[in-house]
Amino acid sequence: MAVIHRTTLAPGKLELLASWLPAQPWYLGNGPEPKLTKAGGFRLDDPEGEVGIEFMVVTDDSGDQPLAYHVPLTYRGAPLDDAEQALIGTAEHGVLGRRWIYDGTHDPVLVAQLFALMTGKAEPQAQSTSNSPDPTVTGHFAPTGHGAPIHLTAATDGPHGTDLLVRTTTAAEPTSPTGQLTIRVNRVLQPTTADSSAHEAALLGHITANWLLPNGSTSRGQFATAHATPLPAHTQADQ
């Protein structure tokens, strides 16, 4: 289980994200710069114990109405090879020293654990408390019994979120005729409605979790969805 250290991080995560968010194709803010507050999230454990994995929600109050953004993050003790484009920044951790902080959608460790959560092979952990499972985070995957590991082949950022093209490493339990699927990481979170609940039936899988609204109430929606084939080209953006 990941240990949450009660210590300092400089610069802080919100400070790093305020500089990084406006450059993302899915960012919808229209203010001069983001005004961010933490609004929830959860963590997953790296089986090797090397990489910190956090799914963070931040609320941006700079525009006409608050927007909740989902930002998966990984924390590493050394740079991730060939991932310079995904680096959000570096920070000094009061216990662990320098940490390289990445957009986790480009980190194969996070992507593997995201799929493990969806298929029931990983247990979500509380965002700010050590060794505390978070039962409010739920995963579902339609092909029951799927246990094949996956590897990330492409991550594509677009106006609707980030699409992760992944392939199973064995053909024993294919998730689609091509042995690959697309996981869409939703970046601008929307609460679940009757229409979105009906849409879930057409999905291969999904991950659902809570976040806090500015008025202190709780909202709930899909953080990620799985699709058996790549999504149509018009919903993706060139890398």
C-alpha atoms as a PDB file:
ATOM      1  CA  MET A   1       0.000   0.000   0.000  1.00  0.00           C
ATOM      2  CA  ALA A   2       1.224   3.499  -0.827  1.00  0.00           C
ATOM      3  CA  VAL A   3       2.297   5.659   2.116  1.00  0.00           C
ATOM      4  CA  ILE A   4       1.038   9.255   2.161  1.00  0.00           C
ATOM      5  CA  HIS A   5       3.762  11.461   3.655  1.00  0.00           C
ATOM      6  CA  ARG A   6       2.671  14.506   5.675  1.00  0.00           C
ATOM      7  CA  THR A   7       5.319  16.829   4.313  1.00  0.00           C
ATOM      8  CA  THR A   8       6.000  19.627   1.854  1.00  0.00           C
ATOM      9  CA  LEU A   9       6.080  19.649  -1.940  1.00  0.00           C
ATOM     10  CA  ALA A  10       7.610  22.679  -3.641  1.00  0.00           C
ATOM     11  CA  PRO A  11       6.295  23.883  -5.956  1.00  0.00           C
ATOM     12  CA  GLY A  12       2.873  22.501  -5.058  1.00  0.00           C
ATOM     13  CA  LYS A  13       0.721  20.447  -7.397  1.00  0.00           C
ATOM     14  CA  LEU A  14      -1.856  23.191  -7.921  1.00  0.00           C
ATOM     15  CA  GLU A  15       0.899  25.653  -8.804  1.00  0.00           C
ATOM     16  CA  LEU A  16       2.336  23.275 -11.405  1.00  0.00           C
ATOM     17  CA  LEU A  17      -1.101  22.502 -12.857  1.00  0.00           C
ATOM     18  CA  ALA A  18      -2.013  26.188 -13.154  1.00  0.00           C
ATOM     19  CA  SER A  19       0.860  26.599 -15.614  1.00  0.00           C
ATOM     20  CA  TRP A  20       0.252  23.328 -17.455  1.00  0.00           C
ATOM     21  CA  LEU A  21      -3.541  23.181 -17.868  1.00  0.00           C
ATOM     22  CA  PRO A  22      -4.077  26.106 -20.305  1.00  0.00           C
ATOM     23  CA  ALA A  23      -1.884  24.422 -22.935  1.00  0.00           C
ATOM     24  CA  GLN A  24      -4.011  21.259 -23.053  1.00  0.00           C
ATOM     25  CA  PRO A  25      -6.474  20.825 -25.952  1.00  0.00           C
ATOM     26  CA  TRP A  26      -9.279  19.805 -23.588  1.00  0.00           C
ATOM     27  CA  TYR A  27      -8.936  22.875 -21.342  1.00  0.00           C
ATOM     28  CA  LEU A  28     -12.076  25.031 -21.545  1.00  0.00           C
ATOM     29  CA  GLY A  29     -11.173  27.930 -19.291  1.00  0.00           C
ATOM     30  CA  ASN A  30     -11.596  31.454 -20.594  1.00  0.00           C
ATOM     31  CA  GLY A  31     -10.080  33.389 -17.707  1.00  0.00           C
ATOM     32  CA  PRO A  32      -6.595  34.940 -17.740  1.00  0.00           C
ATOM     33  CA  GLU A  33      -5.230  31.958 -15.786  1.00  0.00           C
ATOM     34  CA  PRO A  34      -6.715  29.020 -13.873  1.00  0.00           C
ATOM     35  CA  LYS A  35      -7.823  29.490 -10.276  1.00  0.00           C
ATOM     36  CA  LEU A  36      -7.546  25.965  -8.966  1.00  0.00           C
ATOM     37  CA  THR A  37      -8.763  24.204  -5.855  1.00  0.00           C
ATOM     38  CA  LYS A  38      -8.493  20.527  -5.019  1.00  0.00           C
ATOM     39  CA  ALA A  39     -11.853  18.779  -5.474  1.00  0.00           C
ATOM     40  CA  GLY A  40     -11.107  15.105  -4.840  1.00  0.00           C
ATOM     41  CA  GLY A  41      -9.641  12.039  -6.455  1.00  0.00           C
ATOM     42  CA  PHE A  42      -8.090   8.720  -5.476  1.00  0.00           C
ATOM     43  CA  ARG A  43      -4.871   6.731  -5.750  1.00  0.00           C
ATOM     44  CA  LEU A  44      -3.732   3.362  -7.039  1.00  0.00           C
ATOM     45  CA  ASP A  45      -0.732   1.328  -5.947  1.00  0.00           C
ATOM     46  CA  ASP A  46       2.163   0.505  -8.245  1.00  0.00           C
ATOM     47  CA  PRO A  47       2.778  -3.264  -7.809  1.00  0.00           C
ATOM     48  CA  GLU A  48       6.524  -2.552  -7.909  1.00  0.00           C
ATOM     49  CA  GLY A  49       6.268   0.206  -5.304  1.00  0.00           C
ATOM     50  CA  GLU A  50       8.253   2.675  -7.391  1.00  0.00           C
ATOM     51  CA  VAL A  51       5.720   5.050  -8.969  1.00  0.00           C
ATOM     52  CA  GLY A  52       3.156   7.190  -7.171  1.00  0.00           C
ATOM     53  CA  ILE A  53      -0.230   7.110  -8.942  1.00  0.00           C
ATOM     54  CA  GLU A  54      -2.916   9.709  -8.284  1.00  0.00           C
ATOM     55  CA  PHE A  55      -6.142  10.567 -10.091  1.00  0.00           C
ATOM     56  CA  MET A  56      -6.669  14.186  -9.084  1.00  0.00           C
ATOM     57  CA  VAL A  57      -9.704  16.420  -9.567  1.00  0.00           C
ATOM     58  CA  VAL A  58      -9.251  20.184  -9.552  1.00  0.00           C
ATOM     59  CA  THR A  59     -11.903  22.861  -9.905  1.00  0.00           C
ATOM     60  CA  ASP A  60     -11.124  25.943 -12.006  1.00  0.00           C
ATOM     61  CA  ASP A  61     -13.066  29.025 -10.882  1.00  0.00           C
ATOM     62  CA  SER A  62     -11.497  31.477 -13.333  1.00  0.00           C
ATOM     63  CA  GLY A  63     -14.305  31.419 -15.911  1.00  0.00           C
ATOM     64  CA  ASP A  64     -18.021  32.088 -16.055  1.00  0.00           C
ATOM     65  CA  GLN A  65     -18.756  28.832 -14.223  1.00  0.00           C
ATOM     66  CA  PRO A  66     -16.576  26.375 -12.296  1.00  0.00           C
ATOM     67  CA  LEU A  67     -15.190  23.422 -14.239  1.00  0.00           C
ATOM     68  CA  ALA A  68     -13.932  20.168 -12.756  1.00  0.00           C
ATOM     69  CA  TYR A  69     -10.848  18.709 -14.450  1.00  0.00           C
ATOM     70  CA  HIS A  70      -9.581  15.150 -14.057  1.00  0.00           C
ATOM     71  CA  VAL A  71      -5.777  14.979 -14.089  1.00  0.00           C
ATOM     72  CA  PRO A  72      -4.107  11.570 -13.642  1.00  0.00           C
ATOM     73  CA  LEU A  73      -0.606  12.078 -12.231  1.00  0.00           C
ATOM     74  CA  THR A  74       2.444   9.929 -11.685  1.00  0.00           C
ATOM     75  CA  TYR A  75       5.321  10.743  -9.368  1.00  0.00           C
ATOM     76  CA  ARG A  76       8.730   9.290 -10.136  1.00  0.00           C
ATOM     77  CA  GLY A  77      12.158   9.440  -8.543  1.00  0.00           C
ATOM     78  CA  ALA A  78      13.857   9.702 -11.961  1.00  0.00           C
ATOM     79  CA  PRO A  79      12.766  10.859 -15.436  1.00  0.00           C
ATOM     80  CA  LEU A  80      10.544   8.529 -17.473  1.00  0.00           C
ATOM     81  CA  ASP A  81      12.241   7.579 -20.734  1.00  0.00           C
ATOM     82  CA  ASP A  82      10.871   9.225 -23.894  1.00  0.00           C
ATOM     83  CA  ALA A  83       8.181  11.131 -21.987  1.00  0.00           C
ATOM     84  CA  GLU A  84       9.450  14.705 -22.050  1.00  0.00           C
ATOM     85  CA  GLN A  85       6.187  15.881 -23.650  1.00  0.00           C
ATOM     86  CA  ALA A  86       4.222  14.519 -20.692  1.00  0.00           C
ATOM     87  CA  LEU A  87       6.302  16.152 -17.947  1.00  0.00           C
ATOM     88  CA  ILE A  88       4.211  18.590 -15.915  1.00  0.00           C
ATOM     89  CA  GLY A  89       7.162  19.654 -13.801  1.00  0.00           C
ATOM     90  CA  THR A  90       9.571  18.702 -11.028  1.00  0.00           C
ATOM     91  CA  ALA A  91       9.140  19.359  -7.323  1.00  0.00           C
ATOM     92  CA  GLU A  92      11.071  18.846  -4.118  1.00  0.00           C
ATOM     93  CA  HIS A  93       9.386  16.399  -1.757  1.00  0.00           C
ATOM     94  CA  GLY A  94      10.211  16.849   1.928  1.00  0.00           C
ATOM     95  CA  VAL A  95      10.862  13.117   2.415  1.00  0.00           C
ATOM     96  CA  LEU A  96      11.538  11.605  -1.020  1.00  0.00           C
ATOM     97  CA  GLY A  97      13.560  14.423  -2.580  1.00  0.00           C
ATOM     98  CA  ARG A  98      13.151  15.475  -6.185  1.00  0.00           C
ATOM     99  CA  ARG A  99      10.080  14.059  -7.922  1.00  0.00           C
ATOM    100  CA  TRP A 100       9.307  14.118 -11.638  1.00  0.00           C
ATOM    101  CA  ILE A 101       5.554  14.686 -12.056  1.00  0.00           C
ATOM    102  CA  TYR A 102       3.939  13.428 -15.271  1.00  0.00           C
ATOM    103  CA  ASP A 103       0.593  13.513 -17.016  1.00  0.00           C
ATOM    104  CA  GLY A 104      -0.158   9.925 -16.094  1.00  0.00           C
ATOM    105  CA  THR A 105      -2.004   9.117 -19.318  1.00  0.00           C
ATOM    106  CA  HIS A 106       1.443   8.865 -20.941  1.00  0.00           C
ATOM    107  CA  ASP A 107       2.893   6.679 -18.182  1.00  0.00           C
ATOM    108  CA  PRO A 108       2.586   2.926 -18.847  1.00  0.00           C
ATOM    109  CA  VAL A 109       2.489   2.120 -15.122  1.00  0.00           C
ATOM    110  CA  LEU A 110      -0.600   4.270 -14.547  1.00  0.00           C
ATOM    111  CA  VAL A 111      -2.330   2.998 -17.683  1.00  0.00           C
ATOM    112  CA  ALA A 112      -1.795  -0.636 -16.651  1.00  0.00           C
ATOM    113  CA  GLN A 113      -3.203   0.029 -13.181  1.00  0.00           C
ATOM    114  CA  LEU A 114      -6.130   2.009 -14.586  1.00  0.00           C
ATOM    115  CA  PHE A 115      -7.113  -1.035 -16.625  1.00  0.00           C
ATOM    116  CA  ALA A 116      -6.527  -3.273 -13.602  1.00  0.00           C
ATOM    117  CA  LEU A 117      -8.972  -1.109 -11.638  1.00  0.00           C
ATOM    118  CA  MET A 118     -11.532  -1.354 -14.419  1.00  0.00           C
ATOM    119  CA  THR A 119     -11.249  -5.151 -14.488  1.00  0.00           C
ATOM    120  CA  GLY A 120     -11.321  -5.588 -10.715  1.00  0.00           C
ATOM    121  CA  LYS A 121      -7.620  -6.452 -10.369  1.00  0.00           C
ATOM    122  CA  ALA A 122      -6.631  -3.277  -8.453  1.00  0.00           C
ATOM    123  CA  GLU A 123      -8.175  -1.684  -5.371  1.00  0.00           C
ATOM    124  CA  PRO A 124      -8.690   2.097  -5.299  1.00  0.00           C
ATOM    125  CA  GLN A 125      -7.084   3.892  -2.375  1.00  0.00           C
ATOM    126  CA  ALA A 126      -8.052   7.079  -0.560  1.00  0.00           C
ATOM    127  CA  GLN A 127      -6.336  10.133  -1.957  1.00  0.00           C
ATOM    128  CA  SER A 128      -4.865  11.510   1.277  1.00  0.00           C
ATOM    129  CA  THR A 129      -4.815   8.614   3.782  1.00  0.00           C
ATOM    130  CA  SER A 130      -2.366   5.705   3.837  1.00  0.00           C
ATOM    131  CA  ASN A 131      -3.633   2.125   3.582  1.00  0.00           C
ATOM    132  CA  SER A 132      -7.285   3.138   3.198  1.00  0.00           C
ATOM    133  CA  PRO A 133      -9.349   1.633   0.359  1.00  0.00           C
ATOM    134  CA  ASP A 134     -11.896   3.964  -1.255  1.00  0.00           C
ATOM    135  CA  PRO A 135     -15.117   2.016  -1.910  1.00  0.00           C
ATOM    136  CA  THR A 136     -16.751   4.988  -3.631  1.00  0.00           C
ATOM    137  CA  VAL A 137     -14.527   4.390  -6.692  1.00  0.00           C
ATOM    138  CA  THR A 138     -16.001   1.621  -8.830  1.00  0.00           C
ATOM    139  CA  GLY A 139     -14.821  -0.164 -11.946  1.00  0.00           C
ATOM    140  CA  HIS A 140     -16.711  -2.315 -14.421  1.00  0.00           C
ATOM    141  CA  PHE A 141     -15.560  -4.334 -17.408  1.00  0.00           C
ATOM    142  CA  ALA A 142     -18.015  -6.350 -19.521  1.00  0.00           C
ATOM    143  CA  PRO A 143     -15.834  -9.313 -20.586  1.00  0.00           C
ATOM    144  CA  THR A 144     -15.792 -11.161 -17.263  1.00  0.00           C
ATOM    145  CA  GLY A 145     -12.668 -12.971 -16.187  1.00  0.00           C
ATOM    146  CA  HIS A 146     -10.340 -10.845 -18.289  1.00  0.00           C
ATOM    147  CA  GLY A 147      -6.880 -11.070 -16.813  1.00  0.00           C
ATOM    148  CA  ALA A 148      -4.523 -10.369 -19.722  1.00  0.00           C
ATOM    149  CA  PRO A 149      -2.006  -7.587 -19.098  1.00  0.00           C
ATOM    150  CA  ILE A 150      -1.925  -4.686 -21.521  1.00  0.00           C
ATOM    151  CA  HIS A 151       0.589  -2.222 -22.853  1.00  0.00           C
ATOM    152  CA  LEU A 152       0.070   1.334 -24.044  1.00  0.00           C
ATOM    153  CA  THR A 153       0.638   1.870 -27.765  1.00  0.00           C
ATOM    154  CA  ALA A 154      -0.572   5.484 -28.195  1.00  0.00           C
ATOM    155  CA  ALA A 155      -1.978   8.366 -26.139  1.00  0.00           C
ATOM    156  CA  THR A 156      -3.930  11.004 -28.058  1.00  0.00           C
ATOM    157  CA  ASP A 157      -5.101  14.269 -26.511  1.00  0.00           C
ATOM    158  CA  GLY A 158      -8.161  15.899 -28.015  1.00  0.00           C
ATOM    159  CA  PRO A 159     -10.994  18.262 -27.093  1.00  0.00           C
ATOM    160  CA  HIS A 160     -12.987  15.470 -25.437  1.00  0.00           C
ATOM    161  CA  GLY A 161     -10.183  14.027 -23.323  1.00  0.00           C
ATOM    162  CA  THR A 162      -7.277  11.642 -23.762  1.00  0.00           C
ATOM    163  CA  ASP A 163      -7.679   8.410 -25.744  1.00  0.00           C
ATOM    164  CA  LEU A 164      -5.360   5.541 -24.799  1.00  0.00           C
ATOM    165  CA  LEU A 165      -4.915   2.832 -27.410  1.00  0.00           C
ATOM    166  CA  VAL A 166      -3.858  -0.330 -25.585  1.00  0.00           C
ATOM    167  CA  ARG A 167      -3.171  -3.869 -26.700  1.00  0.00           C
ATOM    168  CA  THR A 168      -3.373  -7.085 -24.719  1.00  0.00           C
ATOM    169  CA  THR A 169      -0.091  -8.971 -24.446  1.00  0.00           C
ATOM    170  CA  THR A 170      -1.795 -12.320 -24.983  1.00  0.00           C
ATOM    171  CA  ALA A 171      -4.450 -13.450 -27.409  1.00  0.00           C
ATOM    172  CA  ALA A 172      -5.963 -15.862 -24.880  1.00  0.00           C
ATOM    173  CA  GLU A 173      -8.662 -13.420 -23.805  1.00  0.00           C
ATOM    174  CA  PRO A 174      -9.024 -10.803 -26.544  1.00  0.00           C
ATOM    175  CA  THR A 175     -11.108  -7.759 -25.699  1.00  0.00           C
ATOM    176  CA  SER A 176     -11.897  -7.103 -29.355  1.00  0.00           C
ATOM    177  CA  PRO A 177     -11.331  -8.829 -32.721  1.00  0.00           C
ATOM    178  CA  THR A 178      -8.040  -6.927 -33.057  1.00  0.00           C
ATOM    179  CA  GLY A 179      -6.860  -7.597 -29.476  1.00  0.00           C
ATOM    180  CA  GLN A 180      -6.875  -3.876 -28.693  1.00  0.00           C
ATOM    181  CA  LEU A 181      -9.190  -1.347 -27.128  1.00  0.00           C
ATOM    182  CA  THR A 182      -9.404   2.372 -26.471  1.00  0.00           C
ATOM    183  CA  ILE A 183      -9.648   3.779 -22.966  1.00  0.00           C
ATOM    184  CA  ARG A 184     -10.920   7.342 -22.938  1.00  0.00           C
ATOM    185  CA  VAL A 185      -9.839   9.374 -19.924  1.00  0.00           C
ATOM    186  CA  ASN A 186     -12.487  12.039 -19.416  1.00  0.00           C
ATOM    187  CA  ARG A 187     -10.845  15.343 -18.577  1.00  0.00           C
ATOM    188  CA  VAL A 188     -13.793  17.686 -18.009  1.00  0.00           C
ATOM    189  CA  LEU A 189     -15.959  15.793 -15.543  1.00  0.00           C
ATOM    190  CA  GLN A 190     -19.729  15.725 -15.887  1.00  0.00           C
ATOM    191  CA  PRO A 191     -22.210  14.333 -13.359  1.00  0.00           C
ATOM    192  CA  THR A 192     -23.983  11.112 -14.269  1.00  0.00           C
ATOM    193  CA  THR A 193     -27.462  11.642 -15.718  1.00  0.00           C
ATOM    194  CA  ALA A 194     -30.207   9.330 -16.936  1.00  0.00           C
ATOM    195  CA  ASP A 195     -28.845   9.652 -20.476  1.00  0.00           C
ATOM    196  CA  SER A 196     -25.281   8.832 -19.439  1.00  0.00           C
ATOM    197  CA  SER A 197     -26.466   5.860 -17.379  1.00  0.00           C
ATOM    198  CA  ALA A 198     -28.177   4.457 -20.459  1.00  0.00           C
ATOM    199  CA  HIS A 199     -24.982   5.061 -22.434  1.00  0.00           C
ATOM    200  CA  GLU A 200     -23.011   2.881 -19.984  1.00  0.00           C
ATOM    201  CA  ALA A 201     -24.712  -0.220 -21.393  1.00  0.00           C
ATOM    202  CA  ALA A 202     -22.952   0.334 -24.726  1.00  0.00           C
ATOM    203  CA  LEU A 203     -19.508   0.642 -23.119  1.00  0.00           C
ATOM    204  CA  LEU A 204     -16.966  -2.133 -22.725  1.00  0.00           C
ATOM    205  CA  GLY A 205     -16.104  -0.747 -19.293  1.00  0.00           C
ATOM    206  CA  HIS A 206     -15.972   2.336 -17.132  1.00  0.00           C
ATOM    207  CA  ILE A 207     -14.617   3.806 -13.896  1.00  0.00           C
ATOM    208  CA  THR A 208     -16.891   5.998 -11.797  1.00  0.00           C
ATOM    209  CA  ALA A 209     -15.960   8.162  -8.814  1.00  0.00           C
ATOM    210  CA  ASN A 210     -16.977  11.197  -6.772  1.00  0.00           C
ATOM    211  CA  TRP A 211     -15.706  14.759  -6.569  1.00  0.00           C
ATOM    212  CA  LEU A 212     -16.699  17.856  -4.597  1.00  0.00           C
ATOM    213  CA  LEU A 213     -18.617  20.783  -6.045  1.00  0.00           C
ATOM    214  CA  PRO A 214     -17.817  24.366  -4.983  1.00  0.00           C
ATOM    215  CA  ASN A 215     -20.927  24.432  -2.751  1.00  0.00           C
ATOM    216  CA  GLY A 216     -19.633  21.433  -0.776  1.00  0.00           C
ATOM    217  CA  SER A 217     -22.003  18.851  -2.252  1.00  0.00           C
ATOM    218  CA  THR A 218     -20.789  15.667  -3.956  1.00  0.00           C
ATOM    219  CA  SER A 219     -21.054  14.887  -7.640  1.00  0.00           C
ATOM    220  CA  ARG A 220     -20.399  11.564  -9.350  1.00  0.00           C
ATOM    221  CA  GLY A 221     -19.494  10.647 -12.899  1.00  0.00           C
ATOM    222  CA  GLN A 222     -17.298   8.663 -15.262  1.00  0.00           C
ATOM    223  CA  PHE A 223     -13.555   9.223 -14.976  1.00  0.00           C
ATOM    224  CA  ALA A 224     -12.723   6.780 -17.789  1.00  0.00           C
ATOM    225  CA  THR A 225     -14.521   4.579 -20.308  1.00  0.00           C
ATOM    226  CA  ALA A 226     -13.408   1.604 -22.412  1.00  0.00           C
ATOM    227  CA  HIS A 227     -14.369   0.967 -26.038  1.00  0.00           C
ATOM    228  CA  ALA A 228     -13.761  -2.221 -28.022  1.00  0.00           C
ATOM    229  CA  THR A 229     -12.464  -0.369 -31.075  1.00  0.00           C
ATOM    230  CA  PRO A 230     -10.730   2.976 -31.607  1.00  0.00           C
ATOM    231  CA  LEU A 231     -13.124   5.897 -31.414  1.00  0.00           C
ATOM    232  CA  PRO A 232     -14.036   7.731 -34.629  1.00  0.00           C
ATOM    233  CA  ALA A 233     -11.292   9.984 -35.954  1.00  0.00           C
ATOM    234  CA  HIS A 234     -13.390  13.142 -35.651  1.00  0.00           C
ATOM    235  CA  THR A 235     -13.417  12.764 -31.845  1.00  0.00           C
ATOM    236  CA  GLN A 236      -9.629  12.640 -31.620  1.00  0.00           C
ATOM    237  CA  ALA A 237      -6.925  15.199 -32.246  1.00  0.00           C
ATOM    238  CA  ASP A 238      -3.571  14.676 -33.877  1.00  0.00           C
ATOM    239  CA  GLN A 239      -0.726  14.119 -31.488  1.00  0.00           C
END
